[in-house]
């Protein structure tokens, strides 16, 4: 059974997919860092020193709507 699994896993498509997933995850981290650390600070400065990640709407004492983090995630997605 292990031999059959090893043959399946060593096929090109499975290995290629695994490499693609690892590279995709690493690239996602790079894009997130670029948006949060490079792109958003100058935009926030142009808009009066706003830090987008801290923008929230307080719904109650314990619940908040963190739309600033959503803006960061949206920009990450678009890049």
PDB file of N, CA and C in Angstrom:
ATOM      1  N   UNK A   1       0.826  -1.185   0.000  1.00  0.00           N
ATOM      2  CA  UNK A   1       0.000   0.000   0.000  1.00  0.00           C
ATOM      3  C   UNK A   1       0.876   1.257   0.000  1.00  0.00           C
ATOM      4  N   UNK A   2       1.950   1.258   0.802  1.00  0.00           N
ATOM      5  CA  UNK A   2       2.838   2.420   0.848  1.00  0.00           C
ATOM      6  C   UNK A   2       3.522   2.630  -0.501  1.00  0.00           C
ATOM      7  N   UNK A   3       3.883   1.527  -1.168  1.00  0.00           N
ATOM      8  CA  UNK A   3       4.535   1.617  -2.471  1.00  0.00           C
ATOM      9  C   UNK A   3       3.613   2.274  -3.488  1.00  0.00           C
ATOM     10  N   UNK A   4       2.347   1.910  -3.464  1.00  0.00           N
ATOM     11  CA  UNK A   4       1.381   2.504  -4.382  1.00  0.00           C
ATOM     12  C   UNK A   4       1.199   3.993  -4.102  1.00  0.00           C
ATOM     13  N   UNK A   5       1.146   4.352  -2.837  1.00  0.00           N
ATOM     14  CA  UNK A   5       1.017   5.769  -2.493  1.00  0.00           C
ATOM     15  C   UNK A   5       2.249   6.544  -2.944  1.00  0.00           C
ATOM     16  N   UNK A   6       3.427   5.958  -2.749  1.00  0.00           N
ATOM     17  CA  UNK A   6       4.670   6.618  -3.152  1.00  0.00           C
ATOM     18  C   UNK A   6       4.685   6.833  -4.664  1.00  0.00           C
ATOM     19  N   UNK A   7       4.246   5.842  -5.423  1.00  0.00           N
ATOM     20  CA  UNK A   7       4.174   5.988  -6.878  1.00  0.00           C
ATOM     21  C   UNK A   7       3.205   7.098  -7.257  1.00  0.00           C
ATOM     22  N   UNK A   8       2.074   7.159  -6.588  1.00  0.00           N
ATOM     23  CA  UNK A   8       1.086   8.207  -6.853  1.00  0.00           C
ATOM     24  C   UNK A   8       1.647   9.586  -6.519  1.00  0.00           C
ATOM     25  N   UNK A   9       2.288   9.702  -5.368  1.00  0.00           N
ATOM     26  CA  UNK A   9       2.799  10.998  -4.917  1.00  0.00           C
ATOM     27  C   UNK A   9       3.958  11.482  -5.767  1.00  0.00           C
ATOM     28  N   UNK A  10       4.705  10.580  -6.354  1.00  0.00           N
ATOM     29  CA  UNK A  10       5.876  10.974  -7.126  1.00  0.00           C
ATOM     30  C   UNK A  10       5.541  11.296  -8.579  1.00  0.00           C
ATOM     31  N   UNK A  11       4.299  11.160  -8.960  1.00  0.00           N
ATOM     32  CA  UNK A  11       3.912  11.582 -10.298  1.00  0.00           C
ATOM     33  C   UNK A  11       4.121  13.084 -10.399  1.00  0.00           C
ATOM     34  N   UNK A  12       4.407  13.542 -11.584  1.00  0.00           N
ATOM     35  CA  UNK A  12       4.723  14.950 -11.783  1.00  0.00           C
ATOM     36  C   UNK A  12       3.627  15.898 -11.333  1.00  0.00           C
ATOM     37  N   UNK A  13       2.382  15.571 -11.589  1.00  0.00           N
ATOM     38  CA  UNK A  13       1.305  16.506 -11.290  1.00  0.00           C
ATOM     39  C   UNK A  13       1.135  16.723  -9.789  1.00  0.00           C
ATOM     40  N   UNK A  14       1.308  15.703  -8.989  1.00  0.00           N
ATOM     41  CA  UNK A  14       1.147  15.843  -7.541  1.00  0.00           C
ATOM     42  C   UNK A  14       2.283  16.668  -6.960  1.00  0.00           C
ATOM     43  N   UNK A  15       3.495  16.390  -7.388  1.00  0.00           N
ATOM     44  CA  UNK A  15       4.652  17.144  -6.898  1.00  0.00           C
ATOM     45  C   UNK A  15       4.560  18.595  -7.358  1.00  0.00           C
ATOM     46  N   UNK A  16       4.174  18.816  -8.611  1.00  0.00           N
ATOM     47  CA  UNK A  16       4.022  20.178  -9.126  1.00  0.00           C
ATOM     48  C   UNK A  16       2.978  20.952  -8.338  1.00  0.00           C
ATOM     49  N   UNK A  17       1.875  20.293  -8.013  1.00  0.00           N
ATOM     50  CA  UNK A  17       0.827  20.951  -7.246  1.00  0.00           C
ATOM     51  C   UNK A  17       1.327  21.318  -5.855  1.00  0.00           C
ATOM     52  N   UNK A  18       2.059  20.437  -5.216  1.00  0.00           N
ATOM     53  CA  UNK A  18       2.588  20.722  -3.878  1.00  0.00           C
ATOM     54  C   UNK A  18       3.557  21.899  -3.917  1.00  0.00           C
ATOM     55  N   UNK A  19       4.419  21.933  -4.912  1.00  0.00           N
ATOM     56  CA  UNK A  19       5.354  23.056  -5.053  1.00  0.00           C
ATOM     57  C   UNK A  19       4.584  24.346  -5.304  1.00  0.00           C
ATOM     58  N   UNK A  20       3.567  24.291  -6.118  1.00  0.00           N
ATOM     59  CA  UNK A  20       2.749  25.473  -6.393  1.00  0.00           C
ATOM     60  C   UNK A  20       2.054  26.000  -5.154  1.00  0.00           C
ATOM     61  N   UNK A  21       1.570  25.118  -4.312  1.00  0.00           N
ATOM     62  CA  UNK A  21       0.906  25.537  -3.072  1.00  0.00           C
ATOM     63  C   UNK A  21       1.896  26.225  -2.149  1.00  0.00           C
ATOM     64  N   UNK A  22       3.088  25.669  -2.014  1.00  0.00           N
ATOM     65  CA  UNK A  22       4.108  26.274  -1.146  1.00  0.00           C
ATOM     66  C   UNK A  22       4.517  27.644  -1.680  1.00  0.00           C
ATOM     67  N   UNK A  23       4.757  27.747  -2.973  1.00  0.00           N
ATOM     68  CA  UNK A  23       5.142  29.030  -3.567  1.00  0.00           C
ATOM     69  C   UNK A  23       4.001  30.034  -3.450  1.00  0.00           C
ATOM     70  N   UNK A  24       2.775  29.594  -3.651  1.00  0.00           N
ATOM     71  CA  UNK A  24       1.622  30.486  -3.526  1.00  0.00           C
ATOM     72  C   UNK A  24       1.467  31.028  -2.122  1.00  0.00           C
ATOM     73  N   UNK A  25       1.665  30.197  -1.132  1.00  0.00           N
ATOM     74  CA  UNK A  25       1.561  30.656   0.260  1.00  0.00           C
ATOM     75  C   UNK A  25       2.653  31.665   0.580  1.00  0.00           C
ATOM     76  N   UNK A  26       3.858  31.409   0.108  1.00  0.00           N
ATOM     77  CA  UNK A  26       4.960  32.346   0.351  1.00  0.00           C
ATOM     78  C   UNK A  26       4.711  33.663  -0.368  1.00  0.00           C
ATOM     79  N   UNK A  27       4.214  33.615  -1.588  1.00  0.00           N
ATOM     80  CA  UNK A  27       3.932  34.835  -2.337  1.00  0.00           C
ATOM     81  C   UNK A  27       2.806  35.622  -1.680  1.00  0.00           C
ATOM     82  N   UNK A  28       1.817  34.932  -1.121  1.00  0.00           N
ATOM     83  CA  UNK A  28       0.743  35.616  -0.393  1.00  0.00           C
ATOM     84  C   UNK A  28       1.276  36.397   0.791  1.00  0.00           C
ATOM     85  N   UNK A  29       2.227  35.833   1.502  1.00  0.00           N
ATOM     86  CA  UNK A  29       2.832  36.537   2.637  1.00  0.00           C
ATOM     87  C   UNK A  29       3.604  37.761   2.170  1.00  0.00           C
ATOM     88  N   UNK A  30       4.265  37.657   1.024  1.00  0.00           N
ATOM     89  CA  UNK A  30       5.009  38.798   0.482  1.00  0.00           C
ATOM     90  C   UNK A  30       4.055  39.914   0.085  1.00  0.00           C
ATOM     91  N   UNK A  31       2.961  39.584  -0.571  1.00  0.00           N
ATOM     92  CA  UNK A  31       1.990  40.602  -0.978  1.00  0.00           C
ATOM     93  C   UNK A  31       1.361  41.258   0.241  1.00  0.00           C
ATOM     94  N   UNK A  32       1.024  40.483   1.258  1.00  0.00           N
ATOM     95  CA  UNK A  32       0.448  41.047   2.481  1.00  0.00           C
ATOM     96  C   UNK A  32       1.419  42.008   3.143  1.00  0.00           C
ATOM     97  N   UNK A  33       2.670  41.644   3.226  1.00  0.00           N
ATOM     98  CA  UNK A  33       3.673  42.529   3.809  1.00  0.00           C
ATOM     99  C   UNK A  33       3.839  43.787   2.972  1.00  0.00           C
ATOM    100  N   UNK A  34       3.836  43.647   1.657  1.00  0.00           N
ATOM    101  CA  UNK A  34       3.962  44.813   0.783  1.00  0.00           C
ATOM    102  C   UNK A  34       2.818  45.794   1.010  1.00  0.00           C
ATOM    103  N   UNK A  35       1.605  45.280   1.085  1.00  0.00           N
ATOM    104  CA  UNK A  35       0.449  46.157   1.289  1.00  0.00           C
ATOM    105  C   UNK A  35       0.500  46.808   2.658  1.00  0.00           C
ATOM    106  N   UNK A  36       0.719  46.022   3.710  1.00  0.00           N
ATOM    107  CA  UNK A  36       0.675  46.555   5.072  1.00  0.00           C
ATOM    108  C   UNK A  36       1.865  47.438   5.413  1.00  0.00           C
ATOM    109  N   UNK A  37       3.045  47.117   4.896  1.00  0.00           N
ATOM    110  CA  UNK A  37       4.262  47.798   5.322  1.00  0.00           C
ATOM    111  C   UNK A  37       4.790  48.833   4.337  1.00  0.00           C
ATOM    112  N   UNK A  38       4.428  48.716   3.061  1.00  0.00           N
ATOM    113  CA  UNK A  38       4.969  49.628   2.061  1.00  0.00           C
ATOM    114  C   UNK A  38       3.882  50.507   1.440  1.00  0.00           C
ATOM    115  N   UNK A  39       2.774  49.914   1.057  1.00  0.00           N
ATOM    116  CA  UNK A  39       1.749  50.645   0.317  1.00  0.00           C
ATOM    117  C   UNK A  39       0.816  51.468   1.201  1.00  0.00           C
ATOM    118  N   UNK A  40       0.330  50.887   2.287  1.00  0.00           N
ATOM    119  CA  UNK A  40      -0.670  51.573   3.109  1.00  0.00           C
ATOM    120  C   UNK A  40      -0.124  52.748   3.923  1.00  0.00           C
ATOM    121  N   UNK A  41       1.094  52.726   4.454  1.00  0.00           N
ATOM    122  CA  UNK A  41       1.562  53.895   5.211  1.00  0.00           C
ATOM    123  C   UNK A  41       1.573  55.201   4.412  1.00  0.00           C
ATOM    124  N   UNK A  42       2.075  55.238   3.165  1.00  0.00           N
ATOM    125  CA  UNK A  42       1.989  56.503   2.423  1.00  0.00           C
ATOM    126  C   UNK A  42       0.560  56.919   2.098  1.00  0.00           C
ATOM    127  N   UNK A  43      -0.302  55.942   1.804  1.00  0.00           N
ATOM    128  CA  UNK A  43      -1.706  56.274   1.543  1.00  0.00           C
ATOM    129  C   UNK A  43      -2.337  56.851   2.799  1.00  0.00           C
ATOM    130  N   UNK A  44      -2.058  56.242   3.938  1.00  0.00           N
ATOM    131  CA  UNK A  44      -2.567  56.771   5.203  1.00  0.00           C
ATOM    132  C   UNK A  44      -2.045  58.162   5.490  1.00  0.00           C
ATOM    133  N   UNK A  45      -0.794  58.419   5.161  1.00  0.00           N
ATOM    134  CA  UNK A  45      -0.203  59.741   5.360  1.00  0.00           C
ATOM    135  C   UNK A  45      -0.886  60.780   4.481  1.00  0.00           C
ATOM    136  N   UNK A  46      -1.168  60.416   3.240  1.00  0.00           N
ATOM    137  CA  UNK A  46      -1.869  61.326   2.336  1.00  0.00           C
ATOM    138  C   UNK A  46      -3.287  61.626   2.810  1.00  0.00           C
ATOM    139  N   UNK A  47      -3.872  60.707   3.536  1.00  0.00           N
ATOM    140  CA  UNK A  47      -5.241  60.887   4.037  1.00  0.00           C
ATOM    141  C   UNK A  47      -5.262  61.387   5.473  1.00  0.00           C
ATOM    142  N   UNK A  48      -4.218  62.066   5.886  1.00  0.00           N
ATOM    143  CA  UNK A  48      -4.209  62.691   7.204  1.00  0.00           C
ATOM    144  C   UNK A  48      -3.655  61.820   8.308  1.00  0.00           C
ATOM    145  N   UNK A  49      -2.760  60.923   7.998  1.00  0.00           N
ATOM    146  CA  UNK A  49      -2.140  60.093   9.025  1.00  0.00           C
ATOM    147  C   UNK A  49      -2.997  58.934   9.494  1.00  0.00           C
ATOM    148  N   UNK A  50      -3.920  58.494   8.672  1.00  0.00           N
ATOM    149  CA  UNK A  50      -4.813  57.397   9.035  1.00  0.00           C
ATOM    150  C   UNK A  50      -4.100  56.053   8.906  1.00  0.00           C
ATOM    151  N   UNK A  51      -4.206  55.225   9.929  1.00  0.00           N
ATOM    152  CA  UNK A  51      -3.725  53.847   9.873  1.00  0.00           C
ATOM    153  C   UNK A  51      -4.938  52.971   9.584  1.00  0.00           C
ATOM    154  N   UNK A  52      -5.029  52.468   8.369  1.00  0.00           N
ATOM    155  CA  UNK A  52      -6.218  51.740   7.948  1.00  0.00           C
ATOM    156  C   UNK A  52      -6.508  50.519   8.809  1.00  0.00           C
ATOM    157  N   UNK A  53      -5.474  49.850   9.288  1.00  0.00           N
ATOM    158  CA  UNK A  53      -5.712  48.630  10.061  1.00  0.00           C
ATOM    159  C   UNK A  53      -6.405  48.912  11.388  1.00  0.00           C
ATOM    160  N   UNK A  54      -6.397  50.158  11.840  1.00  0.00           N
ATOM    161  CA  UNK A  54      -7.056  50.507  13.103  1.00  0.00           C
ATOM    162  C   UNK A  54      -8.438  51.118  12.920  1.00  0.00           C
ATOM    163  N   UNK A  55      -8.927  51.221  11.694  1.00  0.00           N
ATOM    164  CA  UNK A  55     -10.244  51.795  11.459  1.00  0.00           C
ATOM    165  C   UNK A  55     -11.327  50.783  11.818  1.00  0.00           C
ATOM    166  N   UNK A  56     -12.184  51.150  12.738  1.00  0.00           N
ATOM    167  CA  UNK A  56     -13.252  50.255  13.198  1.00  0.00           C
ATOM    168  C   UNK A  56     -14.535  51.047  13.401  1.00  0.00           C
ATOM    169  N   UNK A  57     -15.637  50.344  13.355  1.00  0.00           N
ATOM    170  CA  UNK A  57     -16.934  50.875  13.760  1.00  0.00           C
ATOM    171  C   UNK A  57     -17.352  50.076  14.978  1.00  0.00           C
ATOM    172  N   UNK A  58     -17.580  50.749  16.079  1.00  0.00           N
ATOM    173  CA  UNK A  58     -17.949  50.066  17.317  1.00  0.00           C
ATOM    174  C   UNK A  58     -19.443  49.759  17.277  1.00  0.00           C
ATOM    175  N   UNK A  59     -19.781  48.481  17.275  1.00  0.00           N
ATOM    176  CA  UNK A  59     -21.170  48.048  17.235  1.00  0.00           C
ATOM    177  C   UNK A  59     -21.764  47.941  18.631  1.00  0.00           C
ATOM    178  N   UNK A  60     -20.956  47.509  19.571  1.00  0.00           N
ATOM    179  CA  UNK A  60     -21.377  47.417  20.970  1.00  0.00           C
ATOM    180  C   UNK A  60     -20.113  47.464  21.822  1.00  0.00           C
ATOM    181  N   UNK A  61     -20.253  47.203  23.113  1.00  0.00           N
ATOM    182  CA  UNK A  61     -19.081  47.225  23.986  1.00  0.00           C
ATOM    183  C   UNK A  61     -18.050  46.160  23.611  1.00  0.00           C
ATOM    184  N   UNK A  62     -18.507  45.058  23.048  1.00  0.00           N
ATOM    185  CA  UNK A  62     -17.585  43.961  22.742  1.00  0.00           C
ATOM    186  C   UNK A  62     -17.427  43.682  21.251  1.00  0.00           C
ATOM    187  N   UNK A  63     -18.300  44.205  20.416  1.00  0.00           N
ATOM    188  CA  UNK A  63     -18.264  43.891  18.986  1.00  0.00           C
ATOM    189  C   UNK A  63     -17.826  45.107  18.172  1.00  0.00           C
ATOM    190  N   UNK A  64     -16.911  44.866  17.248  1.00  0.00           N
ATOM    191  CA  UNK A  64     -16.458  45.929  16.353  1.00  0.00           C
ATOM    192  C   UNK A  64     -16.463  45.426  14.917  1.00  0.00           C
ATOM    193  N   UNK A  65     -16.636  46.350  14.005  1.00  0.00           N
ATOM    194  CA  UNK A  65     -16.559  46.058  12.583  1.00  0.00           C
ATOM    195  C   UNK A  65     -15.228  46.615  12.091  1.00  0.00           C
ATOM    196  N   UNK A  66     -14.266  45.747  11.827  1.00  0.00           N
ATOM    197  CA  UNK A  66     -12.895  46.144  11.485  1.00  0.00           C
ATOM    198  C   UNK A  66     -12.762  46.362   9.978  1.00  0.00           C
ATOM    199  N   UNK A  67     -13.343  47.441   9.477  1.00  0.00           N
ATOM    200  CA  UNK A  67     -13.327  47.668   8.040  1.00  0.00           C
ATOM    201  C   UNK A  67     -11.953  48.096   7.532  1.00  0.00           C
ATOM    202  N   UNK A  68     -11.095  48.612   8.381  1.00  0.00           N
ATOM    203  CA  UNK A  68      -9.740  48.970   7.962  1.00  0.00           C
ATOM    204  C   UNK A  68      -8.928  47.749   7.574  1.00  0.00           C
ATOM    205  N   UNK A  69      -9.063  46.678   8.329  1.00  0.00           N
ATOM    206  CA  UNK A  69      -8.370  45.432   7.986  1.00  0.00           C
ATOM    207  C   UNK A  69      -8.916  44.862   6.683  1.00  0.00           C
ATOM    208  N   UNK A  70     -10.223  45.068   6.463  1.00  0.00           N
ATOM    209  CA  UNK A  70     -10.829  44.618   5.212  1.00  0.00           C
ATOM    210  C   UNK A  70     -10.256  45.393   4.028  1.00  0.00           C
ATOM    211  N   UNK A  71     -10.059  46.702   4.185  1.00  0.00           N
ATOM    212  CA  UNK A  71      -9.463  47.512   3.120  1.00  0.00           C
ATOM    213  C   UNK A  71      -8.065  46.983   2.791  1.00  0.00           C
ATOM    214  N   UNK A  72      -7.274  46.684   3.810  1.00  0.00           N
ATOM    215  CA  UNK A  72      -5.939  46.119   3.581  1.00  0.00           C
ATOM    216  C   UNK A  72      -6.021  44.783   2.843  1.00  0.00           C
ATOM    217  N   UNK A  73      -6.946  43.926   3.253  1.00  0.00           N
ATOM    218  CA  UNK A  73      -7.091  42.618   2.609  1.00  0.00           C
ATOM    219  C   UNK A  73      -7.564  42.768   1.168  1.00  0.00           C
ATOM    220  N   UNK A  74      -8.447  43.727   0.923  1.00  0.00           N
ATOM    221  CA  UNK A  74      -8.943  43.964  -0.431  1.00  0.00           C
ATOM    222  C   UNK A  74      -7.821  44.435  -1.349  1.00  0.00           C
ATOM    223  N   UNK A  75      -6.994  45.334  -0.864  1.00  0.00           N
ATOM    224  CA  UNK A  75      -5.866  45.800  -1.668  1.00  0.00           C
ATOM    225  C   UNK A  75      -4.877  44.659  -1.912  1.00  0.00           C
ATOM    226  N   UNK A  76      -4.649  43.823  -0.914  1.00  0.00           N
ATOM    227  CA  UNK A  76      -3.777  42.649  -1.100  1.00  0.00           C
ATOM    228  C   UNK A  76      -4.332  41.736  -2.184  1.00  0.00           C
ATOM    229  N   UNK A  77      -5.643  41.544  -2.173  1.00  0.00           N
ATOM    230  CA  UNK A  77      -6.281  40.678  -3.164  1.00  0.00           C
ATOM    231  C   UNK A  77      -6.143  41.257  -4.571  1.00  0.00           C
ATOM    232  N   UNK A  78      -6.319  42.564  -4.688  1.00  0.00           N
ATOM    233  CA  UNK A  78      -6.259  43.196  -6.001  1.00  0.00           C
ATOM    234  C   UNK A  78      -4.854  43.206  -6.589  1.00  0.00           C
ATOM    235  N   UNK A  79      -3.852  43.194  -5.728  1.00  0.00           N
ATOM    236  CA  UNK A  79      -2.475  43.139  -6.237  1.00  0.00           C
ATOM    237  C   UNK A  79      -2.132  41.720  -6.632  1.00  0.00           C
TER     238      UNK A  79
END
